Amino acid sequence: MIKRTLYFGNPAYLSTKLDQLIVRLPAVEKNDSLPEEFKKEATASIPIEDIGVVILDHQQISITQALLAKLLDNNAAVITCNGTHHPTGLLLNLESHSLQSQRFQAQLEATEPLKKQLWQQTVRAKILNQAALLRLHGFETENMEHWADDVKSGDPENKEGRAAAWYWAHIFKNVNGSLPLDEPNQTNIAYRTSYAILLGHHPTNYSTMRMPCCAPPWRGR
């Protein structure tokens, strides 16, 4: 079953009861002009077993320790954001998640040649994904396909960096005009948030990757 990703971007009280995540809104509860029946109906509940990721993106969110414990027991990831909406923390289950422990152990035991070969495969796939997205926007990608084929074990020639520089210099020309990537903007925030969600779903799979190549999340693909 596909797990749910819950995003909280407003003040909220988060707690648990009967293996449910309970959401209460202080703006509703403190409003004396609202009828009590309406306040009760405004409380939401979500089965914890259906949750894969919880994103906390407001400074006035309160969450109980009991809820955190139940989320982690069900292998859900909890991501916290700062005042500028950038993800800053990731809480994961390290005890009962046997698959997670197996992945950590496999990474610790991996030989240097294996690490280099895996990085070679990762870089190739990343460059080919970037090339595919550029083609969708009408760009020629023969150079990127050549770089992908030429990636060596461990990528000693930094083909990943070369392809990334070409990709980011071109993709935003058709997506959002000329965009300085070193300045704060909604586009960068969207990418960083998407990356944090991917990291929350598969922490050991994405921990060695820079920025995943994916269609911009705000375009509704």
N, C-alpha and C. Protein backbone atom coordinates (compact mmCIF):
# COMPACT_ATOMS: atom_id res chain seq x y z
N MET A 1 0.84 -1.20 0.00
CA MET A 1 0.00 0.00 0.00
C MET A 1 0.88 1.25 0.00
N ILE A 2 0.51 2.25 -0.78
CA ILE A 2 1.24 3.50 -0.83
C ILE A 2 0.93 4.32 0.42
N LYS A 3 1.96 4.71 1.14
CA LYS A 3 1.79 5.48 2.36
C LYS A 3 1.48 6.94 2.05
N ARG A 4 0.82 7.61 2.98
CA ARG A 4 0.42 9.01 2.79
C ARG A 4 1.51 9.95 3.29
N THR A 5 1.66 11.09 2.62
CA THR A 5 2.53 12.16 3.07
C THR A 5 1.65 13.29 3.59
N LEU A 6 1.82 13.65 4.87
CA LEU A 6 1.01 14.70 5.49
C LEU A 6 1.85 15.96 5.66
N TYR A 7 1.36 17.07 5.15
CA TYR A 7 2.05 18.36 5.25
C TYR A 7 1.24 19.30 6.13
N PHE A 8 1.88 19.85 7.16
CA PHE A 8 1.23 20.80 8.05
C PHE A 8 1.95 22.14 7.92
N GLY A 9 1.25 23.14 7.37
CA GLY A 9 1.84 24.45 7.15
C GLY A 9 1.16 25.56 7.93
N ASN A 10 0.29 25.20 8.88
CA ASN A 10 -0.41 26.17 9.72
C ASN A 10 -0.32 25.71 11.17
N PRO A 11 -0.62 26.60 12.13
CA PRO A 11 -0.61 26.19 13.53
C PRO A 11 -1.54 25.00 13.75
N ALA A 12 -1.05 24.03 14.52
CA ALA A 12 -1.85 22.82 14.76
C ALA A 12 -1.38 22.13 16.03
N TYR A 13 -2.33 21.41 16.65
CA TYR A 13 -2.02 20.53 17.77
C TYR A 13 -2.09 19.09 17.24
N LEU A 14 -1.00 18.37 17.32
CA LEU A 14 -0.96 17.00 16.81
C LEU A 14 -0.77 16.05 17.98
N SER A 15 -1.67 15.09 18.10
CA SER A 15 -1.60 14.12 19.19
C SER A 15 -2.07 12.77 18.65
N THR A 16 -2.24 11.81 19.54
CA THR A 16 -2.68 10.48 19.10
C THR A 16 -3.70 9.90 20.06
N LYS A 17 -4.62 9.11 19.48
CA LYS A 17 -5.62 8.39 20.26
C LYS A 17 -6.06 7.17 19.46
N LEU A 18 -5.99 6.01 20.08
CA LEU A 18 -6.42 4.76 19.43
C LEU A 18 -5.72 4.57 18.08
N ASP A 19 -4.42 4.76 18.07
CA ASP A 19 -3.60 4.56 16.87
C ASP A 19 -4.01 5.47 15.71
N GLN A 20 -4.55 6.62 16.05
CA GLN A 20 -4.90 7.64 15.05
C GLN A 20 -4.07 8.89 15.31
N LEU A 21 -3.70 9.59 14.25
CA LEU A 21 -3.12 10.92 14.40
C LEU A 21 -4.27 11.92 14.48
N ILE A 22 -4.33 12.66 15.57
CA ILE A 22 -5.40 13.61 15.80
C ILE A 22 -4.91 15.02 15.50
N VAL A 23 -5.64 15.74 14.66
CA VAL A 23 -5.28 17.10 14.28
C VAL A 23 -6.33 18.06 14.84
N ARG A 24 -5.87 19.00 15.67
CA ARG A 24 -6.74 20.06 16.18
C ARG A 24 -6.13 21.39 15.79
N LEU A 25 -7.02 22.33 15.41
CA LEU A 25 -6.57 23.64 14.94
C LEU A 25 -6.82 24.70 16.01
N PRO A 26 -5.77 25.33 16.53
CA PRO A 26 -5.96 26.34 17.57
C PRO A 26 -6.79 27.53 17.10
N ALA A 27 -6.69 27.87 15.82
CA ALA A 27 -7.48 29.00 15.31
C ALA A 27 -8.97 28.72 15.43
N VAL A 28 -9.35 27.45 15.34
CA VAL A 28 -10.76 27.07 15.47
C VAL A 28 -11.14 26.95 16.94
N GLU A 29 -10.29 26.29 17.72
CA GLU A 29 -10.62 26.04 19.12
C GLU A 29 -10.69 27.32 19.94
N LYS A 30 -9.91 28.33 19.60
CA LYS A 30 -9.87 29.58 20.36
C LYS A 30 -10.85 30.63 19.85
N ASN A 31 -11.60 30.28 18.83
CA ASN A 31 -12.57 31.21 18.26
C ASN A 31 -13.91 31.05 18.99
N ASP A 32 -14.21 31.97 19.87
CA ASP A 32 -15.43 31.88 20.68
C ASP A 32 -16.71 32.08 19.88
N SER A 33 -16.58 32.60 18.67
CA SER A 33 -17.78 32.84 17.85
C SER A 33 -18.26 31.57 17.15
N LEU A 34 -17.46 30.52 17.17
CA LEU A 34 -17.84 29.28 16.50
C LEU A 34 -18.58 28.35 17.46
N PRO A 35 -19.61 27.66 16.97
CA PRO A 35 -20.36 26.73 17.84
C PRO A 35 -19.50 25.52 18.21
N GLU A 36 -19.75 24.94 19.36
CA GLU A 36 -18.97 23.82 19.85
C GLU A 36 -19.06 22.62 18.90
N GLU A 37 -20.22 22.42 18.30
CA GLU A 37 -20.38 21.29 17.38
C GLU A 37 -19.44 21.43 16.19
N PHE A 38 -19.31 22.66 15.70
CA PHE A 38 -18.42 22.90 14.57
C PHE A 38 -16.97 22.63 14.98
N LYS A 39 -16.59 23.02 16.20
CA LYS A 39 -15.23 22.80 16.68
C LYS A 39 -14.91 21.30 16.75
N LYS A 40 -15.87 20.50 17.18
CA LYS A 40 -15.66 19.07 17.26
C LYS A 40 -15.48 18.46 15.86
N GLU A 41 -16.29 18.94 14.93
CA GLU A 41 -16.19 18.40 13.57
C GLU A 41 -14.91 18.84 12.87
N ALA A 42 -14.31 19.93 13.34
CA ALA A 42 -13.07 20.41 12.73
C ALA A 42 -11.86 19.57 13.12
N THR A 43 -12.01 18.71 14.11
CA THR A 43 -10.93 17.81 14.51
C THR A 43 -10.84 16.65 13.53
N ALA A 44 -9.63 16.41 13.01
CA ALA A 44 -9.44 15.35 12.02
C ALA A 44 -8.62 14.22 12.61
N SER A 45 -8.81 13.02 12.08
CA SER A 45 -8.03 11.86 12.51
C SER A 45 -7.59 11.06 11.30
N ILE A 46 -6.35 10.59 11.35
CA ILE A 46 -5.78 9.80 10.26
C ILE A 46 -5.13 8.55 10.84
N PRO A 47 -5.43 7.37 10.29
CA PRO A 47 -4.78 6.15 10.80
C PRO A 47 -3.26 6.24 10.67
N ILE A 48 -2.56 6.00 11.75
CA ILE A 48 -1.10 6.12 11.73
C ILE A 48 -0.48 5.09 10.79
N GLU A 49 -1.10 3.92 10.67
CA GLU A 49 -0.54 2.88 9.80
C GLU A 49 -0.55 3.27 8.33
N ASP A 50 -1.35 4.30 7.97
CA ASP A 50 -1.41 4.76 6.58
C ASP A 50 -0.38 5.85 6.27
N ILE A 51 0.37 6.31 7.28
CA ILE A 51 1.24 7.47 7.12
C ILE A 51 2.68 7.03 6.81
N GLY A 52 3.28 7.67 5.80
CA GLY A 52 4.68 7.40 5.47
C GLY A 52 5.59 8.54 5.86
N VAL A 53 5.13 9.78 5.70
CA VAL A 53 5.93 10.96 5.99
C VAL A 53 5.05 12.03 6.60
N VAL A 54 5.56 12.71 7.62
CA VAL A 54 4.89 13.88 8.21
C VAL A 54 5.84 15.06 8.10
N ILE A 55 5.38 16.16 7.48
CA ILE A 55 6.20 17.35 7.30
C ILE A 55 5.64 18.46 8.19
N LEU A 56 6.47 18.98 9.09
CA LEU A 56 6.07 20.03 10.03
C LEU A 56 6.68 21.34 9.56
N ASP A 57 5.86 22.22 8.98
CA ASP A 57 6.37 23.44 8.35
C ASP A 57 5.71 24.68 8.92
N HIS A 58 5.68 24.77 10.24
CA HIS A 58 5.19 25.99 10.91
C HIS A 58 5.75 26.02 12.32
N GLN A 59 6.10 27.21 12.78
CA GLN A 59 6.73 27.35 14.09
C GLN A 59 5.75 27.20 15.24
N GLN A 60 4.45 27.16 14.96
CA GLN A 60 3.44 27.03 16.02
C GLN A 60 2.71 25.69 15.94
N ILE A 61 3.45 24.66 15.59
CA ILE A 61 2.90 23.30 15.60
C ILE A 61 3.36 22.62 16.89
N SER A 62 2.42 22.04 17.61
CA SER A 62 2.74 21.26 18.81
C SER A 62 2.46 19.80 18.52
N ILE A 63 3.42 18.92 18.87
CA ILE A 63 3.27 17.48 18.62
C ILE A 63 3.68 16.73 19.89
N THR A 64 2.92 15.71 20.25
CA THR A 64 3.19 14.99 21.48
C THR A 64 4.23 13.90 21.27
N GLN A 65 4.93 13.57 22.35
CA GLN A 65 5.91 12.49 22.31
C GLN A 65 5.25 11.16 22.00
N ALA A 66 4.04 10.96 22.49
CA ALA A 66 3.33 9.71 22.22
C ALA A 66 3.07 9.54 20.72
N LEU A 67 2.73 10.62 20.05
CA LEU A 67 2.50 10.55 18.61
C LEU A 67 3.80 10.26 17.87
N LEU A 68 4.88 10.94 18.26
CA LEU A 68 6.18 10.69 17.62
C LEU A 68 6.57 9.22 17.75
N ALA A 69 6.36 8.66 18.94
CA ALA A 69 6.72 7.27 19.17
C ALA A 69 5.91 6.33 18.28
N LYS A 70 4.61 6.60 18.14
CA LYS A 70 3.77 5.74 17.31
C LYS A 70 4.13 5.87 15.83
N LEU A 71 4.44 7.09 15.40
CA LEU A 71 4.84 7.29 14.00
C LEU A 71 6.10 6.49 13.70
N LEU A 72 7.08 6.57 14.59
CA LEU A 72 8.33 5.85 14.37
C LEU A 72 8.13 4.34 14.47
N ASP A 73 7.28 3.89 15.37
CA ASP A 73 6.99 2.46 15.45
C ASP A 73 6.40 1.93 14.16
N ASN A 74 5.72 2.81 13.41
CA ASN A 74 5.13 2.42 12.13
C ASN A 74 6.02 2.80 10.95
N ASN A 75 7.30 3.10 11.25
CA ASN A 75 8.31 3.39 10.21
C ASN A 75 7.97 4.62 9.38
N ALA A 76 7.27 5.58 9.98
CA ALA A 76 7.02 6.85 9.30
C ALA A 76 8.21 7.79 9.56
N ALA A 77 8.47 8.68 8.63
CA ALA A 77 9.52 9.68 8.78
C ALA A 77 8.89 11.01 9.15
N VAL A 78 9.54 11.75 10.03
CA VAL A 78 9.07 13.07 10.45
C VAL A 78 10.11 14.11 10.04
N ILE A 79 9.69 15.08 9.22
CA ILE A 79 10.58 16.12 8.71
C ILE A 79 10.18 17.45 9.31
N THR A 80 11.15 18.17 9.86
CA THR A 80 10.89 19.49 10.44
C THR A 80 11.51 20.58 9.56
N CYS A 81 10.85 21.74 9.50
CA CYS A 81 11.32 22.86 8.69
C CYS A 81 11.57 24.07 9.57
N ASN A 82 12.43 24.97 9.09
CA ASN A 82 12.71 26.19 9.85
C ASN A 82 11.77 27.32 9.44
N GLY A 83 12.06 28.54 9.91
CA GLY A 83 11.19 29.67 9.65
C GLY A 83 11.14 30.11 8.20
N THR A 84 12.11 29.66 7.40
CA THR A 84 12.11 29.99 5.96
C THR A 84 11.60 28.82 5.12
N HIS A 85 10.99 27.83 5.78
CA HIS A 85 10.35 26.67 5.12
C HIS A 85 11.35 25.71 4.50
N HIS A 86 12.60 25.76 4.95
CA HIS A 86 13.59 24.80 4.48
C HIS A 86 13.64 23.60 5.43
N PRO A 87 13.64 22.37 4.92
CA PRO A 87 13.76 21.20 5.80
C PRO A 87 15.08 21.23 6.55
N THR A 88 15.04 21.02 7.86
CA THR A 88 16.25 21.07 8.67
C THR A 88 16.47 19.82 9.51
N GLY A 89 15.46 18.97 9.65
CA GLY A 89 15.63 17.78 10.48
C GLY A 89 14.83 16.61 9.96
N LEU A 90 15.33 15.39 10.26
CA LEU A 90 14.68 14.17 9.80
C LEU A 90 14.72 13.15 10.93
N LEU A 91 13.56 12.68 11.36
CA LEU A 91 13.46 11.71 12.45
C LEU A 91 13.03 10.37 11.88
N LEU A 92 13.84 9.33 12.16
CA LEU A 92 13.60 8.00 11.60
C LEU A 92 13.64 6.94 12.70
N ASN A 93 13.00 5.82 12.42
CA ASN A 93 13.05 4.66 13.31
C ASN A 93 14.34 3.89 13.05
N LEU A 94 15.14 3.68 14.07
CA LEU A 94 16.38 2.93 13.92
C LEU A 94 16.35 1.58 14.64
N GLU A 95 15.24 1.26 15.31
CA GLU A 95 15.20 0.04 16.11
C GLU A 95 14.47 -1.10 15.39
N SER A 96 13.16 -0.93 15.23
CA SER A 96 12.35 -2.07 14.77
C SER A 96 12.33 -2.23 13.26
N HIS A 97 12.89 -1.26 12.53
CA HIS A 97 12.87 -1.34 11.06
C HIS A 97 14.05 -2.20 10.62
N SER A 98 13.84 -3.51 10.48
CA SER A 98 14.93 -4.43 10.15
C SER A 98 15.56 -4.12 8.80
N LEU A 99 14.74 -3.71 7.83
CA LEU A 99 15.27 -3.40 6.51
C LEU A 99 16.23 -2.22 6.58
N GLN A 100 15.86 -1.23 7.39
CA GLN A 100 16.73 -0.07 7.56
C GLN A 100 18.07 -0.49 8.15
N SER A 101 18.05 -1.33 9.17
CA SER A 101 19.29 -1.80 9.80
C SER A 101 20.12 -2.61 8.82
N GLN A 102 19.48 -3.42 8.00
CA GLN A 102 20.20 -4.21 7.01
C GLN A 102 20.89 -3.32 5.99
N ARG A 103 20.23 -2.23 5.61
CA ARG A 103 20.84 -1.31 4.65
C ARG A 103 22.05 -0.60 5.26
N PHE A 104 21.91 -0.18 6.52
CA PHE A 104 23.05 0.45 7.19
C PHE A 104 24.23 -0.52 7.24
N GLN A 105 23.96 -1.78 7.60
CA GLN A 105 25.03 -2.77 7.71
C GLN A 105 25.67 -3.02 6.36
N ALA A 106 24.85 -3.12 5.31
CA ALA A 106 25.39 -3.35 3.97
C ALA A 106 26.27 -2.19 3.52
N GLN A 107 25.89 -0.97 3.87
CA GLN A 107 26.70 0.19 3.51
C GLN A 107 28.03 0.19 4.26
N LEU A 108 28.00 -0.19 5.53
CA LEU A 108 29.23 -0.23 6.31
C LEU A 108 30.21 -1.27 5.79
N GLU A 109 29.66 -2.38 5.27
CA GLU A 109 30.51 -3.48 4.80
C GLU A 109 30.90 -3.36 3.33
N ALA A 110 30.36 -2.39 2.63
CA ALA A 110 30.65 -2.25 1.19
C ALA A 110 32.13 -1.94 0.96
N THR A 111 32.71 -2.61 -0.02
CA THR A 111 34.11 -2.37 -0.37
C THR A 111 34.22 -1.10 -1.19
N GLU A 112 35.43 -0.55 -1.27
CA GLU A 112 35.63 0.67 -2.03
C GLU A 112 35.31 0.49 -3.51
N PRO A 113 35.75 -0.62 -4.16
CA PRO A 113 35.36 -0.82 -5.57
C PRO A 113 33.85 -0.86 -5.78
N LEU A 114 33.13 -1.51 -4.83
CA LEU A 114 31.67 -1.57 -4.96
C LEU A 114 31.06 -0.18 -4.85
N LYS A 115 31.55 0.63 -3.90
CA LYS A 115 31.04 1.99 -3.75
C LYS A 115 31.24 2.79 -5.03
N LYS A 116 32.40 2.64 -5.65
CA LYS A 116 32.69 3.38 -6.88
C LYS A 116 31.79 2.92 -8.02
N GLN A 117 31.55 1.60 -8.10
CA GLN A 117 30.68 1.09 -9.16
C GLN A 117 29.24 1.56 -8.97
N LEU A 118 28.78 1.56 -7.71
CA LEU A 118 27.43 2.03 -7.44
C LEU A 118 27.28 3.52 -7.76
N TRP A 119 28.32 4.29 -7.43
CA TRP A 119 28.28 5.72 -7.74
C TRP A 119 28.28 5.94 -9.25
N GLN A 120 29.01 5.11 -9.98
CA GLN A 120 29.01 5.19 -11.43
C GLN A 120 27.60 4.97 -11.99
N GLN A 121 26.91 3.95 -11.48
CA GLN A 121 25.54 3.67 -11.93
C GLN A 121 24.60 4.82 -11.57
N THR A 122 24.78 5.38 -10.36
CA THR A 122 23.92 6.48 -9.92
C THR A 122 24.10 7.71 -10.80
N VAL A 123 25.35 8.06 -11.09
CA VAL A 123 25.64 9.23 -11.92
C VAL A 123 25.10 9.04 -13.33
N ARG A 124 25.30 7.86 -13.90
CA ARG A 124 24.77 7.60 -15.24
C ARG A 124 23.26 7.78 -15.29
N ALA A 125 22.57 7.19 -14.32
CA ALA A 125 21.11 7.30 -14.29
C ALA A 125 20.67 8.74 -14.11
N LYS A 126 21.37 9.48 -13.28
CA LYS A 126 21.01 10.87 -13.03
C LYS A 126 21.17 11.70 -14.30
N ILE A 127 22.28 11.53 -15.01
CA ILE A 127 22.52 12.31 -16.22
C ILE A 127 21.49 11.96 -17.29
N LEU A 128 21.15 10.68 -17.43
CA LEU A 128 20.16 10.28 -18.43
C LEU A 128 18.78 10.83 -18.08
N ASN A 129 18.44 10.88 -16.80
CA ASN A 129 17.16 11.48 -16.39
C ASN A 129 17.14 12.98 -16.70
N GLN A 130 18.25 13.65 -16.44
CA GLN A 130 18.33 15.07 -16.75
C GLN A 130 18.19 15.29 -18.26
N ALA A 131 18.83 14.45 -19.04
CA ALA A 131 18.75 14.57 -20.50
C ALA A 131 17.31 14.36 -20.98
N ALA A 132 16.62 13.38 -20.39
CA ALA A 132 15.24 13.11 -20.80
C ALA A 132 14.34 14.32 -20.53
N LEU A 133 14.55 14.97 -19.38
CA LEU A 133 13.72 16.14 -19.07
C LEU A 133 14.05 17.32 -19.98
N LEU A 134 15.32 17.48 -20.31
CA LEU A 134 15.70 18.54 -21.24
C LEU A 134 15.08 18.32 -22.62
N ARG A 135 15.02 17.05 -23.05
CA ARG A 135 14.42 16.76 -24.36
C ARG A 135 12.94 17.13 -24.37
N LEU A 136 12.27 16.94 -23.22
CA LEU A 136 10.86 17.31 -23.14
C LEU A 136 10.66 18.81 -23.36
N HIS A 137 11.69 19.60 -23.07
CA HIS A 137 11.62 21.05 -23.24
C HIS A 137 12.30 21.50 -24.53
N GLY A 138 12.61 20.56 -25.41
CA GLY A 138 13.09 20.91 -26.73
C GLY A 138 14.58 21.12 -26.87
N PHE A 139 15.38 20.68 -25.92
CA PHE A 139 16.83 20.86 -25.99
C PHE A 139 17.50 19.62 -26.59
N GLU A 140 18.61 19.85 -27.30
CA GLU A 140 19.44 18.75 -27.77
C GLU A 140 20.23 18.19 -26.60
N THR A 141 20.35 16.87 -26.55
CA THR A 141 21.00 16.25 -25.38
C THR A 141 22.08 15.24 -25.75
N GLU A 142 22.60 15.33 -26.98
CA GLU A 142 23.63 14.38 -27.38
C GLU A 142 24.86 14.48 -26.48
N ASN A 143 25.20 15.70 -26.07
CA ASN A 143 26.37 15.86 -25.20
C ASN A 143 26.16 15.17 -23.86
N MET A 144 24.96 15.26 -23.28
CA MET A 144 24.70 14.64 -21.99
C MET A 144 24.67 13.12 -22.11
N GLU A 145 24.14 12.61 -23.21
CA GLU A 145 24.13 11.17 -23.42
C GLU A 145 25.55 10.65 -23.56
N HIS A 146 26.42 11.44 -24.22
CA HIS A 146 27.83 11.08 -24.33
C HIS A 146 28.50 11.07 -22.96
N TRP A 147 28.20 12.07 -22.13
CA TRP A 147 28.78 12.12 -20.78
C TRP A 147 28.31 10.92 -19.95
N ALA A 148 27.05 10.54 -20.10
CA ALA A 148 26.53 9.40 -19.34
C ALA A 148 27.25 8.12 -19.73
N ASP A 149 27.48 7.92 -21.03
CA ASP A 149 28.18 6.71 -21.50
C ASP A 149 29.63 6.70 -21.07
N ASP A 150 30.19 7.89 -20.82
CA ASP A 150 31.62 8.01 -20.53
C ASP A 150 31.94 8.05 -19.04
N VAL A 151 30.91 7.88 -18.19
CA VAL A 151 31.16 7.90 -16.74
C VAL A 151 31.95 6.66 -16.34
N LYS A 152 33.06 6.87 -15.64
CA LYS A 152 33.91 5.76 -15.20
C LYS A 152 33.62 5.44 -13.74
N SER A 153 34.13 4.33 -13.27
CA SER A 153 33.92 3.91 -11.89
C SER A 153 34.38 4.99 -10.92
N GLY A 154 33.47 5.42 -10.06
CA GLY A 154 33.78 6.48 -9.11
C GLY A 154 33.67 7.88 -9.68
N ASP A 155 33.41 7.99 -10.97
CA ASP A 155 33.30 9.28 -11.66
C ASP A 155 34.49 10.20 -11.35
N PRO A 156 35.72 9.76 -11.63
CA PRO A 156 36.90 10.58 -11.32
C PRO A 156 36.97 11.87 -12.13
N GLU A 157 36.31 11.90 -13.30
CA GLU A 157 36.35 13.09 -14.16
C GLU A 157 35.18 14.04 -13.86
N ASN A 158 34.40 13.72 -12.84
CA ASN A 158 33.28 14.55 -12.40
C ASN A 158 32.31 14.86 -13.55
N LYS A 159 31.91 13.82 -14.25
CA LYS A 159 30.91 13.99 -15.30
C LYS A 159 29.58 14.45 -14.69
N GLU A 160 29.33 14.04 -13.45
CA GLU A 160 28.09 14.46 -12.79
C GLU A 160 28.03 15.98 -12.68
N GLY A 161 29.12 16.59 -12.23
CA GLY A 161 29.15 18.04 -12.08
C GLY A 161 29.04 18.76 -13.42
N ARG A 162 29.69 18.21 -14.43
CA ARG A 162 29.63 18.82 -15.76
C ARG A 162 28.22 18.79 -16.32
N ALA A 163 27.56 17.62 -16.18
CA ALA A 163 26.20 17.49 -16.68
C ALA A 163 25.23 18.37 -15.87
N ALA A 164 25.45 18.44 -14.56
CA ALA A 164 24.57 19.26 -13.72
C ALA A 164 24.66 20.73 -14.09
N ALA A 165 25.88 21.21 -14.36
CA ALA A 165 26.05 22.62 -14.75
C ALA A 165 25.29 22.91 -16.05
N TRP A 166 25.37 21.99 -16.99
CA TRP A 166 24.65 22.17 -18.27
C TRP A 166 23.14 22.11 -18.05
N TYR A 167 22.71 21.15 -17.25
CA TYR A 167 21.28 20.95 -17.00
C TYR A 167 20.65 22.18 -16.36
N TRP A 168 21.23 22.66 -15.25
CA TRP A 168 20.62 23.77 -14.53
C TRP A 168 20.72 25.08 -15.31
N ALA A 169 21.72 25.19 -16.18
CA ALA A 169 21.85 26.41 -16.99
C ALA A 169 20.78 26.49 -18.07
N HIS A 170 20.17 25.34 -18.43
CA HIS A 170 19.22 25.32 -19.54
C HIS A 170 17.77 25.09 -19.10
N ILE A 171 17.54 24.25 -18.09
CA ILE A 171 16.18 23.82 -17.80
C ILE A 171 15.28 24.98 -17.42
N PHE A 172 15.76 25.96 -16.67
CA PHE A 172 14.90 27.04 -16.21
C PHE A 172 14.62 28.07 -17.30
N LYS A 173 15.33 28.01 -18.40
CA LYS A 173 15.03 28.93 -19.50
C LYS A 173 13.62 28.73 -20.01
N ASN A 174 13.18 27.45 -20.04
CA ASN A 174 11.84 27.15 -20.53
C ASN A 174 10.83 26.98 -19.40
N VAL A 175 11.33 26.73 -18.19
CA VAL A 175 10.41 26.49 -17.07
C VAL A 175 10.01 27.79 -16.40
N ASN A 176 11.01 28.63 -16.10
CA ASN A 176 10.68 29.82 -15.31
C ASN A 176 11.55 31.02 -15.70
N GLY A 177 12.00 31.06 -16.95
CA GLY A 177 12.82 32.17 -17.38
C GLY A 177 14.21 32.11 -16.78
N SER A 178 14.94 33.19 -16.87
CA SER A 178 16.28 33.25 -16.32
C SER A 178 16.21 33.34 -14.81
N LEU A 179 16.85 32.38 -14.11
CA LEU A 179 16.69 32.29 -12.67
C LEU A 179 18.03 32.11 -11.99
N PRO A 180 18.49 33.05 -11.14
CA PRO A 180 19.74 32.88 -10.40
C PRO A 180 19.55 31.87 -9.28
N LEU A 181 20.21 30.71 -9.37
CA LEU A 181 19.97 29.63 -8.43
C LEU A 181 20.60 29.88 -7.07
N ASP A 182 21.44 30.91 -6.94
CA ASP A 182 22.08 31.17 -5.65
C ASP A 182 21.29 32.15 -4.80
N GLU A 183 20.10 32.54 -5.25
CA GLU A 183 19.27 33.47 -4.49
C GLU A 183 18.01 32.76 -4.00
N PRO A 184 17.51 33.15 -2.81
CA PRO A 184 16.28 32.52 -2.30
C PRO A 184 15.11 32.79 -3.24
N ASN A 185 14.34 31.77 -3.57
CA ASN A 185 13.16 31.93 -4.41
C ASN A 185 12.27 30.71 -4.23
N GLN A 186 11.02 30.83 -4.68
CA GLN A 186 10.06 29.76 -4.48
C GLN A 186 10.44 28.50 -5.25
N THR A 187 11.12 28.66 -6.39
CA THR A 187 11.52 27.50 -7.17
C THR A 187 12.52 26.65 -6.41
N ASN A 188 13.54 27.28 -5.84
CA ASN A 188 14.52 26.53 -5.06
C ASN A 188 13.89 25.89 -3.84
N ILE A 189 12.98 26.60 -3.18
CA ILE A 189 12.31 26.04 -2.01
C ILE A 189 11.52 24.79 -2.41
N ALA A 190 10.86 24.84 -3.57
CA ALA A 190 10.09 23.68 -4.03
C ALA A 190 10.99 22.48 -4.26
N TYR A 191 12.16 22.71 -4.86
CA TYR A 191 13.08 21.61 -5.11
C TYR A 191 13.63 21.04 -3.81
N ARG A 192 14.01 21.92 -2.88
CA ARG A 192 14.58 21.44 -1.62
C ARG A 192 13.55 20.66 -0.82
N THR A 193 12.30 21.12 -0.84
CA THR A 193 11.26 20.41 -0.12
C THR A 193 11.01 19.04 -0.75
N SER A 194 10.99 18.98 -2.08
CA SER A 194 10.81 17.69 -2.78
C SER A 194 11.93 16.73 -2.43
N TYR A 195 13.15 17.24 -2.37
CA TYR A 195 14.30 16.40 -2.03
C TYR A 195 14.16 15.87 -0.61
N ALA A 196 13.69 16.70 0.31
CA ALA A 196 13.53 16.27 1.69
C ALA A 196 12.48 15.17 1.81
N ILE A 197 11.41 15.27 1.02
CA ILE A 197 10.38 14.24 1.05
C ILE A 197 10.93 12.92 0.53
N LEU A 198 11.71 12.97 -0.57
CA LEU A 198 12.34 11.77 -1.09
C LEU A 198 13.29 11.17 -0.06
N LEU A 199 14.04 12.02 0.61
CA LEU A 199 14.97 11.56 1.63
C LEU A 199 14.23 10.89 2.78
N GLY A 200 13.06 11.44 3.12
CA GLY A 200 12.27 10.85 4.20
C GLY A 200 11.74 9.47 3.84
N HIS A 201 11.38 9.27 2.56
CA HIS A 201 10.87 7.98 2.13
C HIS A 201 11.98 6.94 2.06
N HIS A 202 13.15 7.31 1.52
CA HIS A 202 14.23 6.37 1.29
C HIS A 202 15.56 6.98 1.73
N PRO A 203 15.79 7.11 3.02
CA PRO A 203 16.98 7.81 3.50
C PRO A 203 18.29 7.19 3.05
N THR A 204 18.39 5.86 3.02
CA THR A 204 19.65 5.24 2.64
C THR A 204 19.84 5.20 1.14
N ASN A 205 18.76 5.32 0.38
CA ASN A 205 18.89 5.30 -1.07
C ASN A 205 19.35 6.64 -1.62
N TYR A 206 18.94 7.74 -0.97
CA TYR A 206 19.19 9.06 -1.51
C TYR A 206 20.27 9.82 -0.74
N SER A 207 20.81 9.22 0.32
CA SER A 207 21.71 9.98 1.18
C SER A 207 22.99 10.38 0.48
N THR A 208 23.41 9.66 -0.56
CA THR A 208 24.65 10.00 -1.25
C THR A 208 24.40 10.83 -2.50
N MET A 209 23.14 11.14 -2.81
CA MET A 209 22.83 11.89 -4.01
C MET A 209 22.71 13.37 -3.72
N ARG A 210 23.07 14.20 -4.70
CA ARG A 210 22.98 15.65 -4.51
C ARG A 210 21.53 16.10 -4.64
N MET A 211 21.10 16.36 -5.84
CA MET A 211 19.72 16.81 -6.07
C MET A 211 19.08 15.87 -7.08
N PRO A 212 17.99 15.21 -6.73
CA PRO A 212 17.36 14.30 -7.67
C PRO A 212 16.82 15.05 -8.88
N CYS A 213 16.91 14.40 -10.03
CA CYS A 213 16.38 15.02 -11.23
C CYS A 213 14.93 14.59 -11.40
N CYS A 214 14.03 15.52 -11.30
CA CYS A 214 12.61 15.19 -11.43
C CYS A 214 11.90 16.38 -12.05
N ALA A 215 10.70 16.11 -12.57
CA ALA A 215 9.92 17.21 -13.12
C ALA A 215 9.58 18.19 -12.02
N PRO A 216 9.62 19.49 -12.29
CA PRO A 216 9.32 20.48 -11.24
C PRO A 216 7.98 20.20 -10.59
N PRO A 217 7.92 20.11 -9.24
CA PRO A 217 6.71 19.68 -8.56
C PRO A 217 5.54 20.63 -8.72
N TRP A 218 5.81 21.91 -9.02
CA TRP A 218 4.71 22.87 -9.08
C TRP A 218 3.99 22.86 -10.43
N ARG A 219 4.46 22.04 -11.39
CA ARG A 219 3.85 22.05 -12.71
C ARG A 219 2.73 21.02 -12.86
N GLY A 220 2.48 20.25 -11.79
CA GLY A 220 1.35 19.34 -11.82
C GLY A 220 1.52 18.14 -12.71
N ARG A 221 2.78 17.69 -12.87
CA ARG A 221 3.00 16.52 -13.70
C ARG A 221 2.58 15.26 -12.97
